[in-house]
């Protein structure tokens, strides 16, 4: 069963492909999206990664939470369910 992770504190130059490649070293990445501002197209500094299993998600959290990427310390945690707007 897929598990969605929140990835925060991303630098502006970090791409979805880069995060996907990084996390795929630990497990199968089903999807990866760095959230961008609609108006400017610039990264908002966070994104979401869907891992194919709980084991892979836990391994990613353990390995990459606190990992330095482009001079920023990543925050990786399970994504919270979205609350209606």
Protein backbone atom coordinates (compact mmCIF):
# COMPACT_ATOMS: atom_id res chain seq x y z
CA UNK A 1 0.00 0.00 0.00
CA UNK A 2 1.50 3.38 -1.03
CA UNK A 3 2.54 5.85 1.67
CA UNK A 4 2.68 9.60 0.99
CA UNK A 5 5.52 11.58 2.54
CA UNK A 6 5.93 15.32 3.05
CA UNK A 7 9.38 16.66 2.17
CA UNK A 8 10.08 20.14 3.50
CA UNK A 9 12.83 22.75 3.65
CA UNK A 10 13.78 22.26 0.00
CA UNK A 11 16.03 24.79 -1.67
CA UNK A 12 14.67 26.66 -4.68
CA UNK A 13 16.83 24.70 -7.12
CA UNK A 14 15.74 21.23 -5.92
CA UNK A 15 13.69 19.38 -8.55
CA UNK A 16 11.16 16.55 -8.39
CA UNK A 17 13.53 14.38 -10.43
CA UNK A 18 16.35 14.99 -7.98
CA UNK A 19 14.20 14.01 -4.97
CA UNK A 20 12.83 10.97 -6.80
CA UNK A 21 16.33 9.80 -7.73
CA UNK A 22 17.57 10.35 -4.16
CA UNK A 23 14.69 8.45 -2.53
CA UNK A 24 14.72 5.62 -5.08
CA UNK A 25 18.08 4.56 -3.62
CA UNK A 26 16.05 3.32 -0.62
CA UNK A 27 12.81 2.08 -2.21
CA UNK A 28 10.37 2.36 -5.10
CA UNK A 29 9.10 5.91 -5.67
CA UNK A 30 5.61 5.91 -7.18
CA UNK A 31 5.30 9.69 -7.57
CA UNK A 32 7.16 12.83 -6.63
CA UNK A 33 6.10 16.46 -6.86
CA UNK A 34 7.89 19.59 -5.68
CA UNK A 35 5.15 22.21 -5.19
CA UNK A 36 5.62 25.39 -7.21
CA UNK A 37 3.96 28.80 -6.99
CA UNK A 38 1.34 29.07 -9.77
CA UNK A 39 2.24 32.66 -10.61
CA UNK A 40 6.04 32.56 -10.56
CA UNK A 41 6.74 28.86 -11.14
CA UNK A 42 9.27 28.99 -8.28
CA UNK A 43 9.45 26.21 -5.72
CA UNK A 44 7.52 26.76 -2.50
CA UNK A 45 10.18 24.77 -0.65
CA UNK A 46 8.23 21.57 -0.10
CA UNK A 47 6.86 18.59 -1.95
CA UNK A 48 5.30 15.16 -1.68
CA UNK A 49 6.69 11.72 -2.46
CA UNK A 50 4.65 8.55 -2.64
CA UNK A 51 6.58 5.41 -1.76
CA UNK A 52 5.28 1.97 -2.73
CA UNK A 53 5.27 0.52 0.81
CA UNK A 54 5.33 1.40 4.50
CA UNK A 55 8.79 -0.20 4.75
CA UNK A 56 10.17 2.02 1.98
CA UNK A 57 8.55 5.12 3.52
CA UNK A 58 10.05 4.34 6.93
CA UNK A 59 13.48 3.74 5.37
CA UNK A 60 13.29 7.08 3.52
CA UNK A 61 12.29 8.92 6.71
CA UNK A 62 15.13 7.31 8.64
CA UNK A 63 17.77 7.95 5.98
CA UNK A 64 16.79 11.40 4.65
CA UNK A 65 15.12 13.28 7.52
CA UNK A 66 17.92 15.66 8.52
CA UNK A 67 19.86 15.02 5.28
CA UNK A 68 21.59 18.07 3.79
CA UNK A 69 20.70 18.92 0.17
CA UNK A 70 21.79 22.16 -1.52
CA UNK A 71 22.72 23.57 1.88
CA UNK A 72 19.29 22.89 3.42
CA UNK A 73 18.39 20.24 6.00
CA UNK A 74 15.50 18.13 4.68
CA UNK A 75 12.43 17.47 6.77
CA UNK A 76 10.80 14.17 5.82
CA UNK A 77 7.65 12.95 7.54
CA UNK A 78 4.40 11.23 6.74
CA UNK A 79 2.01 13.56 4.94
CA UNK A 80 -1.03 14.67 6.90
CA UNK A 81 -4.45 14.24 5.30
CA UNK A 82 -5.55 17.38 3.53
CA UNK A 83 -8.21 19.37 5.35
CA UNK A 84 -10.85 20.97 3.10
CA UNK A 85 -10.40 24.59 2.10
